[in-house]
Amino acid sequence: MNLIPIETARADMVLADDLRQTGAQPLLASGTPLTAALLESLRERGVTTLSVRSEDEAAPTDPRARREQVLERLSYLFRGNAGDTTSQALFRAIYEYRLEAR
């Protein structure tokens, strides 16, 4: 894990810890991949530092471990929409996309 200034963050980095604003719920969960738009939004919110994964903490290369990581993350994100068929379809589409993206 590396704590870095947001100015040095790149769109290919991944958060190592939950990102919270003072006393608030998490803005972003650990494991969230950073994008240019997301970094810009964080700057606008006044975020100055980020905890990012180091190169040796990168996403697993083992396909089973990768699937498990993606499934765990998406299950957390969709935790309140288990019975909704539209959400289930979106979950599946994002799951397949994330597995192909790496």
Protein backbone atom coordinates (compact mmCIF):
# COMPACT_ATOMS: atom_id res chain seq x y z
CA MET A 1 0.00 0.00 0.00
CA ASN A 2 1.21 3.47 -0.87
CA LEU A 3 -0.22 6.78 0.33
CA ILE A 4 0.25 9.21 -2.55
CA PRO A 5 -0.81 12.76 -3.42
CA ILE A 6 -3.80 12.75 -5.76
CA GLU A 7 -1.74 14.74 -8.30
CA THR A 8 0.47 11.69 -8.85
CA ALA A 9 -2.40 9.18 -9.12
CA ARG A 10 -2.94 7.51 -12.49
CA ALA A 11 -6.06 6.05 -14.04
CA ASP A 12 -4.63 2.52 -13.93
CA MET A 13 -4.19 2.45 -10.13
CA VAL A 14 -6.41 0.64 -7.62
CA LEU A 15 -7.47 1.86 -4.16
CA ALA A 16 -5.86 -0.10 -1.33
CA ASP A 17 -8.26 1.13 1.40
CA ASP A 18 -11.76 2.54 1.60
CA LEU A 19 -11.76 6.25 0.80
CA ARG A 20 -13.81 8.24 3.33
CA GLN A 21 -14.51 11.86 3.93
CA THR A 22 -14.50 13.00 7.55
CA GLY A 23 -17.13 11.09 9.51
CA ALA A 24 -18.92 9.92 6.38
CA GLN A 25 -19.64 6.63 4.74
CA PRO A 26 -17.04 5.47 2.24
CA LEU A 27 -16.86 7.42 -1.00
CA LEU A 28 -15.12 4.47 -2.66
CA ALA A 29 -14.38 0.96 -1.48
CA SER A 30 -10.95 -0.61 -1.50
CA GLY A 31 -10.25 -2.40 -4.75
CA THR A 32 -11.91 0.29 -6.84
CA PRO A 33 -10.00 0.90 -10.10
CA LEU A 34 -9.27 4.60 -10.62
CA THR A 35 -10.32 6.32 -13.84
CA ALA A 36 -9.53 9.81 -15.11
CA ALA A 37 -13.12 10.93 -14.45
CA LEU A 38 -13.07 9.46 -10.95
CA LEU A 39 -9.80 11.21 -10.12
CA GLU A 40 -11.20 14.52 -11.34
CA SER A 41 -14.31 14.05 -9.19
CA LEU A 42 -12.17 13.29 -6.14
CA ARG A 43 -10.10 16.43 -6.72
CA GLU A 44 -13.32 18.47 -6.90
CA ARG A 45 -14.38 16.95 -3.55
CA GLY A 46 -11.14 18.14 -1.98
CA VAL A 47 -9.42 14.75 -1.70
CA THR A 48 -5.68 15.32 -1.50
CA THR A 49 -4.21 11.84 -0.89
CA LEU A 50 -5.08 8.30 -1.90
CA SER A 51 -4.04 4.91 -0.61
CA VAL A 52 -3.26 2.81 -3.68
CA ARG A 53 -2.07 -0.74 -4.15
CA SER A 54 1.57 -1.22 -4.94
CA GLU A 55 2.59 -3.16 -8.02
CA ASP A 56 3.05 -6.39 -6.03
CA GLU A 57 -0.52 -6.04 -4.68
CA ALA A 58 -2.00 -5.86 -8.18
CA ALA A 59 -5.01 -7.87 -9.26
CA PRO A 60 -4.47 -11.62 -9.18
CA THR A 61 -3.39 -13.27 -12.41
CA ASP A 62 -4.88 -16.66 -11.51
CA PRO A 63 -8.25 -16.82 -13.33
CA ARG A 64 -10.07 -18.38 -10.38
CA ALA A 65 -8.72 -15.80 -7.96
CA ARG A 66 -9.63 -13.02 -10.40
CA ARG A 67 -13.21 -14.32 -10.77
CA GLU A 68 -13.54 -14.53 -6.99
CA GLN A 69 -12.25 -10.98 -6.56
CA VAL A 70 -14.66 -9.60 -9.16
CA LEU A 71 -17.58 -11.57 -7.72
CA GLU A 72 -16.82 -10.38 -4.18
CA ARG A 73 -16.60 -6.73 -5.24
CA LEU A 74 -19.78 -6.79 -7.33
CA SER A 75 -21.70 -8.68 -4.64
CA TYR A 76 -20.83 -5.87 -2.26
CA LEU A 77 -21.87 -3.17 -4.72
CA PHE A 78 -25.17 -4.89 -5.55
CA ARG A 79 -25.95 -6.06 -2.00
CA GLY A 80 -29.25 -4.16 -1.81
CA ASN A 81 -30.64 -5.28 -5.18
CA ALA A 82 -30.63 -9.08 -4.96
CA GLY A 83 -34.20 -9.70 -6.17
CA ASP A 84 -34.41 -7.09 -8.92
CA THR A 85 -34.15 -8.71 -12.39
CA THR A 86 -32.78 -5.54 -13.99
CA SER A 87 -30.05 -5.33 -11.35
CA GLN A 88 -29.26 -9.02 -11.86
CA ALA A 89 -28.81 -8.44 -15.59
CA LEU A 90 -26.60 -5.43 -14.93
CA PHE A 91 -24.59 -7.43 -12.37
CA ARG A 92 -23.98 -10.19 -14.91
CA ALA A 93 -22.99 -7.73 -17.67
CA ILE A 94 -20.51 -5.93 -15.41
CA TYR A 95 -19.15 -9.25 -14.13
CA GLU A 96 -18.45 -10.45 -17.65
CA TYR A 97 -16.99 -7.09 -18.68
CA ARG A 98 -14.61 -6.96 -15.70
CA LEU A 99 -13.38 -10.48 -16.38
CA GLU A 100 -12.65 -9.62 -20.02
CA ALA A 101 -11.08 -6.24 -19.20
CA ARG A 102 -8.03 -7.77 -17.52
